[in-house]
Amino acid sequence: MASTQKSALSDVVTRDYTIHLHKRVHGVQFKKRAPTAVKEIKAFTYKHMGTKDVRLDPQLNKEIWKQGIKGVPYRLRLRISRKRNDEEKAKEPLFSYVQAVNVTSFKKLQTTVVEES
C-alpha cells in the first residue's frame, strides 16, 4: 500500500466553521460555562485541524465572555487558520489560530475554505 504524503500547500489552510456552543455547554453549571466554551472551541479546532497547538484570538475571547460567564452565545462563526510554526524551539510544526467572524445570521452557512491573498 502506498503511503500518502501531505504536500506543503495542503497543510496551510483557512476555513470558516459555525460551532454550536449551546449544545456543548448544556448542563454545565453557570460559573463554568464560558471557560467550558473556550475548552470546547479548542477541542473542536484540534478535531478539525489536527493541531495540538491551538491559539485563540483575543477578540474571540471577548466575544465568548461578552455576556458574562453564564451567557455564552448559542452559535459562533469561527475562522480557523492552520499555519506553520516558525519559532525556534517549536514542538509542533503547525499551529491553529482561531478568530471570530461577524455574521448577521447563521442560517444556511456551510463550512467554506477561505482564500487568503
PDB file of N, CA and C in Angstrom:
ATOM      1  N   MET A   1       0.830  -1.176   0.000  1.00  0.00           N
ATOM      2  CA  MET A   1       0.000   0.000   0.000  1.00  0.00           C
ATOM      3  C   MET A   1       0.879   1.246   0.000  1.00  0.00           C
ATOM      4  N   ALA A   2       0.640   2.161  -0.879  1.00  0.00           N
ATOM      5  CA  ALA A   2       1.455   3.370  -0.987  1.00  0.00           C
ATOM      6  C   ALA A   2       1.105   4.346   0.126  1.00  0.00           C
ATOM      7  N   SER A   3       2.133   4.977   0.695  1.00  0.00           N
ATOM      8  CA  SER A   3       1.870   5.947   1.761  1.00  0.00           C
ATOM      9  C   SER A   3       1.494   7.282   1.142  1.00  0.00           C
ATOM     10  N   THR A   4       0.516   7.908   1.733  1.00  0.00           N
ATOM     11  CA  THR A   4       0.082   9.208   1.227  1.00  0.00           C
ATOM     12  C   THR A   4       0.777  10.291   2.023  1.00  0.00           C
ATOM     13  N   GLN A   5       1.375  11.242   1.321  1.00  0.00           N
ATOM     14  CA  GLN A   5       2.065  12.336   1.977  1.00  0.00           C
ATOM     15  C   GLN A   5       1.307  13.624   1.749  1.00  0.00           C
ATOM     16  N   LYS A   6       1.286  14.476   2.784  1.00  0.00           N
ATOM     17  CA  LYS A   6       0.659  15.780   2.636  1.00  0.00           C
ATOM     18  C   LYS A   6       1.640  16.721   1.961  1.00  0.00           C
ATOM     19  N   SER A   7       1.141  17.488   1.022  1.00  0.00           N
ATOM     20  CA  SER A   7       2.000  18.477   0.391  1.00  0.00           C
ATOM     21  C   SER A   7       2.046  19.717   1.276  1.00  0.00           C
ATOM     22  N   ALA A   8       3.037  20.562   1.072  1.00  0.00           N
ATOM     23  CA  ALA A   8       3.180  21.775   1.867  1.00  0.00           C
ATOM     24  C   ALA A   8       2.023  22.735   1.617  1.00  0.00           C
ATOM     25  N   LEU A   9       1.417  22.634   0.435  1.00  0.00           N
ATOM     26  CA  LEU A   9       0.296  23.520   0.117  1.00  0.00           C
ATOM     27  C   LEU A   9      -0.948  23.149   0.919  1.00  0.00           C
ATOM     28  N   SER A  10      -1.175  21.854   1.103  1.00  0.00           N
ATOM     29  CA  SER A  10      -2.416  21.432   1.756  1.00  0.00           C
ATOM     30  C   SER A  10      -2.338  21.534   3.280  1.00  0.00           C
ATOM     31  N   ASP A  11      -1.141  21.696   3.852  1.00  0.00           N
ATOM     32  CA  ASP A  11      -1.087  21.752   5.316  1.00  0.00           C
ATOM     33  C   ASP A  11      -1.422  23.139   5.856  1.00  0.00           C
ATOM     34  N   VAL A  12      -1.285  24.189   5.044  1.00  0.00           N
ATOM     35  CA  VAL A  12      -1.657  25.534   5.463  1.00  0.00           C
ATOM     36  C   VAL A  12      -2.984  25.874   4.808  1.00  0.00           C
ATOM     37  N   VAL A  13      -4.014  26.013   5.633  1.00  0.00           N
ATOM     38  CA  VAL A  13      -5.359  26.229   5.104  1.00  0.00           C
ATOM     39  C   VAL A  13      -6.160  27.081   6.088  1.00  0.00           C
ATOM     40  N   THR A  14      -7.139  27.805   5.566  1.00  0.00           N
ATOM     41  CA  THR A  14      -8.032  28.603   6.399  1.00  0.00           C
ATOM     42  C   THR A  14      -9.461  28.243   6.036  1.00  0.00           C
ATOM     43  N   ARG A  15     -10.263  27.928   7.053  1.00  0.00           N
ATOM     44  CA  ARG A  15     -11.662  27.561   6.830  1.00  0.00           C
ATOM     45  C   ARG A  15     -12.564  28.318   7.791  1.00  0.00           C
ATOM     46  N   ASP A  16     -13.812  28.533   7.375  1.00  0.00           N
ATOM     47  CA  ASP A  16     -14.834  29.125   8.233  1.00  0.00           C
ATOM     48  C   ASP A  16     -15.781  28.021   8.690  1.00  0.00           C
ATOM     49  N   TYR A  17     -15.995  27.942   9.984  1.00  0.00           N
ATOM     50  CA  TYR A  17     -16.894  26.963  10.578  1.00  0.00           C
ATOM     51  C   TYR A  17     -17.939  27.686  11.411  1.00  0.00           C
ATOM     52  N   THR A  18     -19.103  27.069  11.565  1.00  0.00           N
ATOM     53  CA  THR A  18     -20.083  27.520  12.544  1.00  0.00           C
ATOM     54  C   THR A  18     -20.100  26.468  13.644  1.00  0.00           C
ATOM     55  N   ILE A  19     -19.854  26.909  14.877  1.00  0.00           N
ATOM     56  CA  ILE A  19     -19.850  25.986  16.010  1.00  0.00           C
ATOM     57  C   ILE A  19     -21.086  26.256  16.859  1.00  0.00           C
ATOM     58  N   HIS A  20     -21.781  25.197  17.224  1.00  0.00           N
ATOM     59  CA  HIS A  20     -22.988  25.285  18.039  1.00  0.00           C
ATOM     60  C   HIS A  20     -22.572  25.124  19.501  1.00  0.00           C
ATOM     61  N   LEU A  21     -22.306  26.260  20.146  1.00  0.00           N
ATOM     62  CA  LEU A  21     -21.807  26.232  21.522  1.00  0.00           C
ATOM     63  C   LEU A  21     -22.888  25.842  22.530  1.00  0.00           C
ATOM     64  N   HIS A  22     -24.133  26.141  22.214  1.00  0.00           N
ATOM     65  CA  HIS A  22     -25.215  25.904  23.173  1.00  0.00           C
ATOM     66  C   HIS A  22     -25.295  24.433  23.569  1.00  0.00           C
ATOM     67  N   LYS A  23     -25.138  23.541  22.590  1.00  0.00           N
ATOM     68  CA  LYS A  23     -25.206  22.112  22.908  1.00  0.00           C
ATOM     69  C   LYS A  23     -23.949  21.633  23.634  1.00  0.00           C
ATOM     70  N   ARG A  24     -22.839  22.363  23.453  1.00  0.00           N
ATOM     71  CA  ARG A  24     -21.591  21.950  24.087  1.00  0.00           C
ATOM     72  C   ARG A  24     -21.496  22.390  25.539  1.00  0.00           C
ATOM     73  N   VAL A  25     -22.243  23.431  25.933  1.00  0.00           N
ATOM     74  CA  VAL A  25     -22.218  23.859  27.331  1.00  0.00           C
ATOM     75  C   VAL A  25     -23.536  23.528  28.037  1.00  0.00           C
ATOM     76  N   HIS A  26     -24.401  22.757  27.389  1.00  0.00           N
ATOM     77  CA  HIS A  26     -25.663  22.354  28.004  1.00  0.00           C
ATOM     78  C   HIS A  26     -25.396  21.503  29.245  1.00  0.00           C
ATOM     79  N   GLY A  27     -26.026  21.860  30.334  1.00  0.00           N
ATOM     80  CA  GLY A  27     -25.882  21.100  31.574  1.00  0.00           C
ATOM     81  C   GLY A  27     -24.666  21.474  32.390  1.00  0.00           C
ATOM     82  N   VAL A  28     -23.860  22.415  31.921  1.00  0.00           N
ATOM     83  CA  VAL A  28     -22.685  22.861  32.663  1.00  0.00           C
ATOM     84  C   VAL A  28     -23.133  23.956  33.624  1.00  0.00           C
ATOM     85  N   GLN A  29     -22.633  23.906  34.865  1.00  0.00           N
ATOM     86  CA  GLN A  29     -23.050  24.915  35.834  1.00  0.00           C
ATOM     87  C   GLN A  29     -22.639  26.307  35.376  1.00  0.00           C
ATOM     88  N   PHE A  30     -23.413  27.300  35.802  1.00  0.00           N
ATOM     89  CA  PHE A  30     -23.282  28.660  35.279  1.00  0.00           C
ATOM     90  C   PHE A  30     -21.877  29.225  35.411  1.00  0.00           C
ATOM     91  N   LYS A  31     -21.222  29.011  36.502  1.00  0.00           N
ATOM     92  CA  LYS A  31     -19.916  29.623  36.727  1.00  0.00           C
ATOM     93  C   LYS A  31     -18.797  28.955  35.933  1.00  0.00           C
ATOM     94  N   LYS A  32     -19.139  27.946  35.139  1.00  0.00           N
ATOM     95  CA  LYS A  32     -18.117  27.268  34.332  1.00  0.00           C
ATOM     96  C   LYS A  32     -18.449  27.273  32.845  1.00  0.00           C
ATOM     97  N   ARG A  33     -19.502  28.011  32.449  1.00  0.00           N
ATOM     98  CA  ARG A  33     -19.944  27.951  31.058  1.00  0.00           C
ATOM     99  C   ARG A  33     -18.956  28.588  30.077  1.00  0.00           C
ATOM    100  N   ALA A  34     -18.497  29.803  30.341  1.00  0.00           N
ATOM    101  CA  ALA A  34     -17.555  30.456  29.419  1.00  0.00           C
ATOM    102  C   ALA A  34     -16.209  29.725  29.367  1.00  0.00           C
ATOM    103  N   PRO A  35     -15.624  29.324  30.523  1.00  0.00           N
ATOM    104  CA  PRO A  35     -14.377  28.548  30.439  1.00  0.00           C
ATOM    105  C   PRO A  35     -14.562  27.222  29.687  1.00  0.00           C
ATOM    106  N   THR A  36     -15.724  26.582  29.848  1.00  0.00           N
ATOM    107  CA  THR A  36     -16.001  25.339  29.133  1.00  0.00           C
ATOM    108  C   THR A  36     -16.120  25.604  27.636  1.00  0.00           C
ATOM    109  N   ALA A  37     -16.723  26.737  27.277  1.00  0.00           N
ATOM    110  CA  ALA A  37     -16.859  27.090  25.858  1.00  0.00           C
ATOM    111  C   ALA A  37     -15.488  27.261  25.212  1.00  0.00           C
ATOM    112  N   VAL A  38     -14.545  27.874  25.936  1.00  0.00           N
ATOM    113  CA  VAL A  38     -13.191  28.050  25.417  1.00  0.00           C
ATOM    114  C   VAL A  38     -12.540  26.685  25.197  1.00  0.00           C
ATOM    115  N   LYS A  39     -12.698  25.795  26.149  1.00  0.00           N
ATOM    116  CA  LYS A  39     -12.126  24.448  26.022  1.00  0.00           C
ATOM    117  C   LYS A  39     -12.761  23.687  24.855  1.00  0.00           C
ATOM    118  N   GLU A  40     -14.072  23.856  24.673  1.00  0.00           N
ATOM    119  CA  GLU A  40     -14.771  23.164  23.589  1.00  0.00           C
ATOM    120  C   GLU A  40     -14.335  23.680  22.224  1.00  0.00           C
ATOM    121  N   ILE A  41     -14.070  24.992  22.127  1.00  0.00           N
ATOM    122  CA  ILE A  41     -13.579  25.559  20.864  1.00  0.00           C
ATOM    123  C   ILE A  41     -12.198  24.994  20.545  1.00  0.00           C
ATOM    124  N   LYS A  42     -11.350  24.862  21.567  1.00  0.00           N
ATOM    125  CA  LYS A  42     -10.021  24.277  21.351  1.00  0.00           C
ATOM    126  C   LYS A  42     -10.131  22.815  20.924  1.00  0.00           C
ATOM    127  N   ALA A  43     -11.046  22.063  21.546  1.00  0.00           N
ATOM    128  CA  ALA A  43     -11.234  20.658  21.179  1.00  0.00           C
ATOM    129  C   ALA A  43     -11.783  20.538  19.758  1.00  0.00           C
ATOM    130  N   PHE A  44     -12.715  21.416  19.390  1.00  0.00           N
ATOM    131  CA  PHE A  44     -13.280  21.445  18.035  1.00  0.00           C
ATOM    132  C   PHE A  44     -12.175  21.711  17.008  1.00  0.00           C
ATOM    133  N   THR A  45     -11.302  22.679  17.321  1.00  0.00           N
ATOM    134  CA  THR A  45     -10.213  23.030  16.416  1.00  0.00           C
ATOM    135  C   THR A  45      -9.228  21.878  16.274  1.00  0.00           C
ATOM    136  N   TYR A  46      -8.903  21.227  17.387  1.00  0.00           N
ATOM    137  CA  TYR A  46      -7.994  20.078  17.337  1.00  0.00           C
ATOM    138  C   TYR A  46      -8.575  18.967  16.470  1.00  0.00           C
ATOM    139  N   LYS A  47      -9.879  18.733  16.610  1.00  0.00           N
ATOM    140  CA  LYS A  47     -10.531  17.670  15.852  1.00  0.00           C
ATOM    141  C   LYS A  47     -10.535  17.968  14.350  1.00  0.00           C
ATOM    142  N   HIS A  48     -10.799  19.228  13.985  1.00  0.00           N
ATOM    143  CA  HIS A  48     -10.943  19.563  12.577  1.00  0.00           C
ATOM    144  C   HIS A  48      -9.630  19.915  11.883  1.00  0.00           C
ATOM    145  N   MET A  49      -8.658  20.411  12.640  1.00  0.00           N
ATOM    146  CA  MET A  49      -7.396  20.817  12.028  1.00  0.00           C
ATOM    147  C   MET A  49      -6.238  19.876  12.363  1.00  0.00           C
ATOM    148  N   GLY A  50      -6.365  19.093  13.415  1.00  0.00           N
ATOM    149  CA  GLY A  50      -5.344  18.112  13.753  1.00  0.00           C
ATOM    150  C   GLY A  50      -4.079  18.702  14.351  1.00  0.00           C
ATOM    151  N   THR A  51      -4.163  19.901  14.933  1.00  0.00           N
ATOM    152  CA  THR A  51      -3.003  20.515  15.576  1.00  0.00           C
ATOM    153  C   THR A  51      -3.257  20.635  17.072  1.00  0.00           C
ATOM    154  N   LYS A  52      -2.279  20.207  17.854  1.00  0.00           N
ATOM    155  CA  LYS A  52      -2.424  20.304  19.308  1.00  0.00           C
ATOM    156  C   LYS A  52      -2.261  21.733  19.785  1.00  0.00           C
ATOM    157  N   ASP A  53      -1.448  22.518  19.065  1.00  0.00           N
ATOM    158  CA  ASP A  53      -1.212  23.912  19.420  1.00  0.00           C
ATOM    159  C   ASP A  53      -2.345  24.763  18.838  1.00  0.00           C
ATOM    160  N   VAL A  54      -3.294  25.171  19.702  1.00  0.00           N
ATOM    161  CA  VAL A  54      -4.436  25.977  19.280  1.00  0.00           C
ATOM    162  C   VAL A  54      -4.361  27.321  19.990  1.00  0.00           C
ATOM    163  N   ARG A  55      -4.386  28.399  19.203  1.00  0.00           N
ATOM    164  CA  ARG A  55      -4.303  29.746  19.768  1.00  0.00           C
ATOM    165  C   ARG A  55      -5.575  30.505  19.439  1.00  0.00           C
ATOM    166  N   LEU A  56      -6.169  31.121  20.469  1.00  0.00           N
ATOM    167  CA  LEU A  56      -7.403  31.876  20.291  1.00  0.00           C
ATOM    168  C   LEU A  56      -7.089  33.363  20.183  1.00  0.00           C
ATOM    169  N   ASP A  57      -7.787  34.026  19.280  1.00  0.00           N
ATOM    170  CA  ASP A  57      -7.674  35.469  19.121  1.00  0.00           C
ATOM    171  C   ASP A  57      -8.291  36.161  20.346  1.00  0.00           C
ATOM    172  N   PRO A  58      -7.679  37.232  20.846  1.00  0.00           N
ATOM    173  CA  PRO A  58      -8.266  37.949  21.991  1.00  0.00           C
ATOM    174  C   PRO A  58      -9.684  38.453  21.721  1.00  0.00           C
ATOM    175  N   GLN A  59      -9.991  38.807  20.468  1.00  0.00           N
ATOM    176  CA  GLN A  59     -11.346  39.259  20.141  1.00  0.00           C
ATOM    177  C   GLN A  59     -12.353  38.112  20.248  1.00  0.00           C
ATOM    178  N   LEU A  60     -11.926  36.889  19.944  1.00  0.00           N
ATOM    179  CA  LEU A  60     -12.795  35.726  20.110  1.00  0.00           C
ATOM    180  C   LEU A  60     -13.094  35.511  21.582  1.00  0.00           C
ATOM    181  N   ASN A  61     -12.084  35.650  22.426  1.00  0.00           N
ATOM    182  CA  ASN A  61     -12.279  35.519  23.866  1.00  0.00           C
ATOM    183  C   ASN A  61     -13.278  36.562  24.365  1.00  0.00           C
ATOM    184  N   LYS A  62     -13.157  37.801  23.864  1.00  0.00           N
ATOM    185  CA  LYS A  62     -14.094  38.860  24.243  1.00  0.00           C
ATOM    186  C   LYS A  62     -15.510  38.522  23.805  1.00  0.00           C
ATOM    187  N   GLU A  63     -15.629  37.932  22.604  1.00  0.00           N
ATOM    188  CA  GLU A  63     -16.941  37.563  22.074  1.00  0.00           C
ATOM    189  C   GLU A  63     -17.608  36.494  22.940  1.00  0.00           C
ATOM    190  N   ILE A  64     -16.820  35.533  23.428  1.00  0.00           N
ATOM    191  CA  ILE A  64     -17.362  34.481  24.283  1.00  0.00           C
ATOM    192  C   ILE A  64     -17.813  35.066  25.623  1.00  0.00           C
ATOM    193  N   TRP A  65     -16.998  35.956  26.191  1.00  0.00           N
ATOM    194  CA  TRP A  65     -17.244  36.491  27.526  1.00  0.00           C
ATOM    195  C   TRP A  65     -18.115  37.751  27.526  1.00  0.00           C
ATOM    196  N   LYS A  66     -18.567  38.216  26.354  1.00  0.00           N
ATOM    197  CA  LYS A  66     -19.283  39.485  26.235  1.00  0.00           C
ATOM    198  C   LYS A  66     -20.531  39.546  27.129  1.00  0.00           C
ATOM    199  N   GLN A  67     -21.261  38.451  27.223  1.00  0.00           N
ATOM    200  CA  GLN A  67     -22.496  38.420  28.010  1.00  0.00           C
ATOM    201  C   GLN A  67     -22.270  37.797  29.389  1.00  0.00           C
ATOM    202  N   GLY A  68     -21.023  37.774  29.828  1.00  0.00           N
ATOM    203  CA  GLY A  68     -20.725  37.252  31.158  1.00  0.00           C
ATOM    204  C   GLY A  68     -20.340  35.789  31.123  1.00  0.00           C
ATOM    205  N   ILE A  69     -20.093  35.257  32.319  1.00  0.00           N
ATOM    206  CA  ILE A  69     -19.606  33.881  32.432  1.00  0.00           C
ATOM    207  C   ILE A  69     -20.681  32.864  32.077  1.00  0.00           C
ATOM    208  N   LYS A  70     -21.964  33.210  32.295  1.00  0.00           N
ATOM    209  CA  LYS A  70     -23.023  32.239  32.037  1.00  0.00           C
ATOM    210  C   LYS A  70     -23.825  32.520  30.781  1.00  0.00           C
ATOM    211  N   GLY A  71     -23.555  33.641  30.097  1.00  0.00           N
ATOM    212  CA  GLY A  71     -24.308  34.000  28.905  1.00  0.00           C
ATOM    213  C   GLY A  71     -23.549  33.731  27.632  1.00  0.00           C
ATOM    214  N   VAL A  72     -23.080  32.511  27.452  1.00  0.00           N
ATOM    215  CA  VAL A  72     -22.306  32.139  26.272  1.00  0.00           C
ATOM    216  C   VAL A  72     -23.218  32.180  25.043  1.00  0.00           C
ATOM    217  N   PRO A  73     -22.743  32.750  23.907  1.00  0.00           N
ATOM    218  CA  PRO A  73     -23.580  32.785  22.694  1.00  0.00           C
ATOM    219  C   PRO A  73     -23.964  31.383  22.231  1.00  0.00           C
ATOM    220  N   TYR A  74     -25.148  31.276  21.628  1.00  0.00           N
ATOM    221  CA  TYR A  74     -25.628  29.973  21.160  1.00  0.00           C
ATOM    222  C   TYR A  74     -24.744  29.417  20.055  1.00  0.00           C
ATOM    223  N   ARG A  75     -24.364  30.299  19.109  1.00  0.00           N
ATOM    224  CA  ARG A  75     -23.526  29.873  17.985  1.00  0.00           C
ATOM    225  C   ARG A  75     -22.448  30.911  17.745  1.00  0.00           C
ATOM    226  N   LEU A  76     -21.335  30.467  17.167  1.00  0.00           N
ATOM    227  CA  LEU A  76     -20.259  31.368  16.758  1.00  0.00           C
ATOM    228  C   LEU A  76     -19.763  30.937  15.390  1.00  0.00           C
ATOM    229  N   ARG A  77     -19.422  31.904  14.573  1.00  0.00           N
ATOM    230  CA  ARG A  77     -18.772  31.634  13.290  1.00  0.00           C
ATOM    231  C   ARG A  77     -17.286  31.810  13.514  1.00  0.00           C
ATOM    232  N   LEU A  78     -16.519  30.769  13.248  1.00  0.00           N
ATOM    233  CA  LEU A  78     -15.085  30.774  13.511  1.00  0.00           C
ATOM    234  C   LEU A  78     -14.305  30.701  12.213  1.00  0.00           C
ATOM    235  N   ARG A  79     -13.218  31.452  12.149  1.00  0.00           N
ATOM    236  CA  ARG A  79     -12.254  31.328  11.049  1.00  0.00           C
ATOM    237  C   ARG A  79     -11.015  30.681  11.639  1.00  0.00           C
ATOM    238  N   ILE A  80     -10.762  29.440  11.230  1.00  0.00           N
ATOM    239  CA  ILE A  80      -9.645  28.671  11.776  1.00  0.00           C
ATOM    240  C   ILE A  80      -8.561  28.569  10.705  1.00  0.00           C
ATOM    241  N   SER A  81      -7.365  29.063  11.044  1.00  0.00           N
ATOM    242  CA  SER A  81      -6.233  29.047  10.123  1.00  0.00           C
ATOM    243  C   SER A  81      -5.169  28.102  10.646  1.00  0.00           C
ATOM    244  N   ARG A  82      -4.785  27.152   9.806  1.00  0.00           N
ATOM    245  CA  ARG A  82      -3.667  26.271  10.165  1.00  0.00           C
ATOM    246  C   ARG A  82      -2.420  26.883   9.544  1.00  0.00           C
ATOM    247  N   LYS A  83      -1.445  27.213  10.388  1.00  0.00           N
ATOM    248  CA  LYS A  83      -0.250  27.923   9.930  1.00  0.00           C
ATOM    249  C   LYS A  83       1.003  27.167  10.330  1.00  0.00           C
ATOM    250  N   ARG A  84       2.102  27.506   9.671  1.00  0.00           N
ATOM    251  CA  ARG A  84       3.389  26.913  10.022  1.00  0.00           C
ATOM    252  C   ARG A  84       3.944  27.596  11.252  1.00  0.00           C
ATOM    253  N   ASN A  85       4.580  26.820  12.107  1.00  0.00           N
ATOM    254  CA  ASN A  85       5.184  27.349  13.322  1.00  0.00           C
ATOM    255  C   ASN A  85       6.654  27.633  13.037  1.00  0.00           C
ATOM    256  N   ASP A  86       7.014  28.920  12.991  1.00  0.00           N
ATOM    257  CA  ASP A  86       8.378  29.309  12.636  1.00  0.00           C
ATOM    258  C   ASP A  86       9.249  29.612  13.848  1.00  0.00           C
ATOM    259  N   GLU A  87       8.752  29.311  15.040  1.00  0.00           N
ATOM    260  CA  GLU A  87       9.536  29.584  16.244  1.00  0.00           C
ATOM    261  C   GLU A  87      10.703  28.604  16.346  1.00  0.00           C
ATOM    262  N   GLU A  88      11.736  29.016  17.076  1.00  0.00           N
ATOM    263  CA  GLU A  88      12.965  28.220  17.194  1.00  0.00           C
ATOM    264  C   GLU A  88      12.729  26.840  17.812  1.00  0.00           C
ATOM    265  N   LYS A  89      12.169  26.826  19.022  1.00  0.00           N
ATOM    266  CA  LYS A  89      12.018  25.568  19.757  1.00  0.00           C
ATOM    267  C   LYS A  89      10.578  25.077  19.728  1.00  0.00           C
ATOM    268  N   ALA A  90       9.962  25.093  18.574  1.00  0.00           N
ATOM    269  CA  ALA A  90       8.572  24.689  18.432  1.00  0.00           C
ATOM    270  C   ALA A  90       8.460  23.163  18.495  1.00  0.00           C
ATOM    271  N   LYS A  91       7.557  22.688  19.348  1.00  0.00           N
ATOM    272  CA  LYS A  91       7.341  21.243  19.449  1.00  0.00           C
ATOM    273  C   LYS A  91       6.517  20.739  18.270  1.00  0.00           C
ATOM    274  N   GLU A  92       5.564  21.552  17.825  1.00  0.00           N
ATOM    275  CA  GLU A  92       4.685  21.171  16.726  1.00  0.00           C
ATOM    276  C   GLU A  92       5.069  21.958  15.460  1.00  0.00           C
ATOM    277  N   PRO A  93       5.027  21.325  14.297  1.00  0.00           N
ATOM    278  CA  PRO A  93       5.363  22.068  13.066  1.00  0.00           C
ATOM    279  C   PRO A  93       4.266  23.033  12.631  1.00  0.00           C
ATOM    280  N   LEU A  94       3.017  22.780  13.054  1.00  0.00           N
ATOM    281  CA  LEU A  94       1.882  23.614  12.677  1.00  0.00           C
ATOM    282  C   LEU A  94       1.113  24.049  13.923  1.00  0.00           C
ATOM    283  N   PHE A  95       0.420  25.174  13.799  1.00  0.00           N
ATOM    284  CA  PHE A  95      -0.499  25.585  14.862  1.00  0.00           C
ATOM    285  C   PHE A  95      -1.769  26.125  14.222  1.00  0.00           C
ATOM    286  N   SER A  96      -2.840  26.172  15.006  1.00  0.00           N
ATOM    287  CA  SER A  96      -4.116  26.696  14.529  1.00  0.00           C
ATOM    288  C   SER A  96      -4.419  28.002  15.236  1.00  0.00           C
ATOM    289  N   TYR A  97      -4.886  28.986  14.464  1.00  0.00           N
ATOM    290  CA  TYR A  97      -5.257  30.283  15.007  1.00  0.00           C
ATOM    291  C   TYR A  97      -6.748  30.475  14.759  1.00  0.00           C
ATOM    292  N   VAL A  98      -7.496  30.720  15.832  1.00  0.00           N
ATOM    293  CA  VAL A  98      -8.955  30.785  15.752  1.00  0.00           C
ATOM    294  C   VAL A  98      -9.407  32.227  15.950  1.00  0.00           C
ATOM    295  N   GLN A  99     -10.230  32.719  15.015  1.00  0.00           N
ATOM    296  CA  GLN A  99     -10.766  34.070  15.085  1.00  0.00           C
ATOM    297  C   GLN A  99     -12.287  34.018  14.971  1.00  0.00           C
ATOM    298  N   ALA A 100     -12.956  35.033  15.516  1.00  0.00           N
ATOM    299  CA  ALA A 100     -14.402  35.158  15.375  1.00  0.00           C
ATOM    300  C   ALA A 100     -14.711  35.927  14.099  1.00  0.00           C
ATOM    301  N   VAL A 101     -15.762  35.505  13.399  1.00  0.00           N
ATOM    302  CA  VAL A 101     -16.215  36.192  12.188  1.00  0.00           C
ATOM    303  C   VAL A 101     -17.612  36.733  12.480  1.00  0.00           C
ATOM    304  N   ASN A 102     -17.827  38.005  12.169  1.00  0.00           N
ATOM    305  CA  ASN A 102     -19.139  38.609  12.384  1.00  0.00           C
ATOM    306  C   ASN A 102     -20.073  38.244  11.234  1.00  0.00           C
ATOM    307  N   VAL A 103     -21.223  37.673  11.578  1.00  0.00           N
ATOM    308  CA  VAL A 103     -22.261  37.365  10.595  1.00  0.00           C
ATOM    309  C   VAL A 103     -23.593  37.855  11.147  1.00  0.00           C
ATOM    310  N   THR A 104     -24.502  38.216  10.246  1.00  0.00           N
ATOM    311  CA  THR A 104     -25.812  38.680  10.696  1.00  0.00           C
ATOM    312  C   THR A 104     -26.714  37.506  11.063  1.00  0.00           C
ATOM    313  N   SER A 105     -26.612  36.421  10.310  1.00  0.00           N
ATOM    314  CA  SER A 105     -27.446  35.252  10.569  1.00  0.00           C
ATOM    315  C   SER A 105     -26.623  33.987  10.329  1.00  0.00           C
ATOM    316  N   PHE A 106     -26.936  32.934  11.072  1.00  0.00           N
ATOM    317  CA  PHE A 106     -26.231  31.665  10.923  1.00  0.00           C
ATOM    318  C   PHE A 106     -26.973  30.715   9.984  1.00  0.00           C
ATOM    319  N   LYS A 107     -28.099  31.154   9.433  1.00  0.00           N
ATOM    320  CA  LYS A 107     -28.907  30.309   8.567  1.00  0.00           C
ATOM    321  C   LYS A 107     -28.163  29.960   7.271  1.00  0.00           C
ATOM    322  N   LYS A 108     -28.217  28.699   6.904  1.00  0.00           N
ATOM    323  CA  LYS A 108     -27.686  28.181   5.646  1.00  0.00           C
ATOM    324  C   LYS A 108     -26.193  28.412   5.452  1.00  0.00           C
ATOM    325  N   LEU A 109     -25.430  28.581   6.525  1.00  0.00           N
ATOM    326  CA  LEU A 109     -23.986  28.740   6.411  1.00  0.00           C
ATOM    327  C   LEU A 109     -23.326  27.366   6.388  1.00  0.00           C
ATOM    328  N   GLN A 110     -22.408  27.181   5.468  1.00  0.00           N
ATOM    329  CA  GLN A 110     -21.672  25.938   5.347  1.00  0.00           C
ATOM    330  C   GLN A 110     -20.217  26.182   5.709  1.00  0.00           C
ATOM    331  N   THR A 111     -19.476  25.098   5.911  1.00  0.00           N
ATOM    332  CA  THR A 111     -18.043  25.202   6.102  1.00  0.00           C
ATOM    333  C   THR A 111     -17.426  25.577   4.762  1.00  0.00           C
ATOM    334  N   THR A 112     -16.628  26.659   4.746  1.00  0.00           N
ATOM    335  CA  THR A 112     -16.044  27.123   3.500  1.00  0.00           C
ATOM    336  C   THR A 112     -14.548  27.312   3.661  1.00  0.00           C
ATOM    337  N   VAL A 113     -13.813  27.074   2.581  1.00  0.00           N
ATOM    338  CA  VAL A 113     -12.382  27.327   2.558  1.00  0.00           C
ATOM    339  C   VAL A 113     -12.167  28.782   2.170  1.00  0.00           C
ATOM    340  N   VAL A 114     -11.377  29.491   2.954  1.00  0.00           N
ATOM    341  CA  VAL A 114     -11.132  30.906   2.714  1.00  0.00           C
ATOM    342  C   VAL A 114      -9.817  31.047   1.952  1.00  0.00           C
ATOM    343  N   GLU A 115      -9.872  31.770   0.854  1.00  0.00           N
ATOM    344  CA  GLU A 115      -8.663  32.024   0.065  1.00  0.00           C
ATOM    345  C   GLU A 115      -8.011  33.305   0.592  1.00  0.00           C
ATOM    346  N   GLU A 116      -6.778  33.173   1.106  1.00  0.00           N
ATOM    347  CA  GLU A 116      -6.071  34.341   1.625  1.00  0.00           C
ATOM    348  C   GLU A 116      -5.050  34.819   0.601  1.00  0.00           C
ATOM    349  N   SER A 117      -5.002  36.122   0.419  1.00  0.00           N
ATOM    350  CA  SER A 117      -4.050  36.667  -0.548  1.00  0.00           C
ATOM    351  C   SER A 117      -3.014  37.526   0.131  1.00  0.00           C
TER     352      SER A 117
END
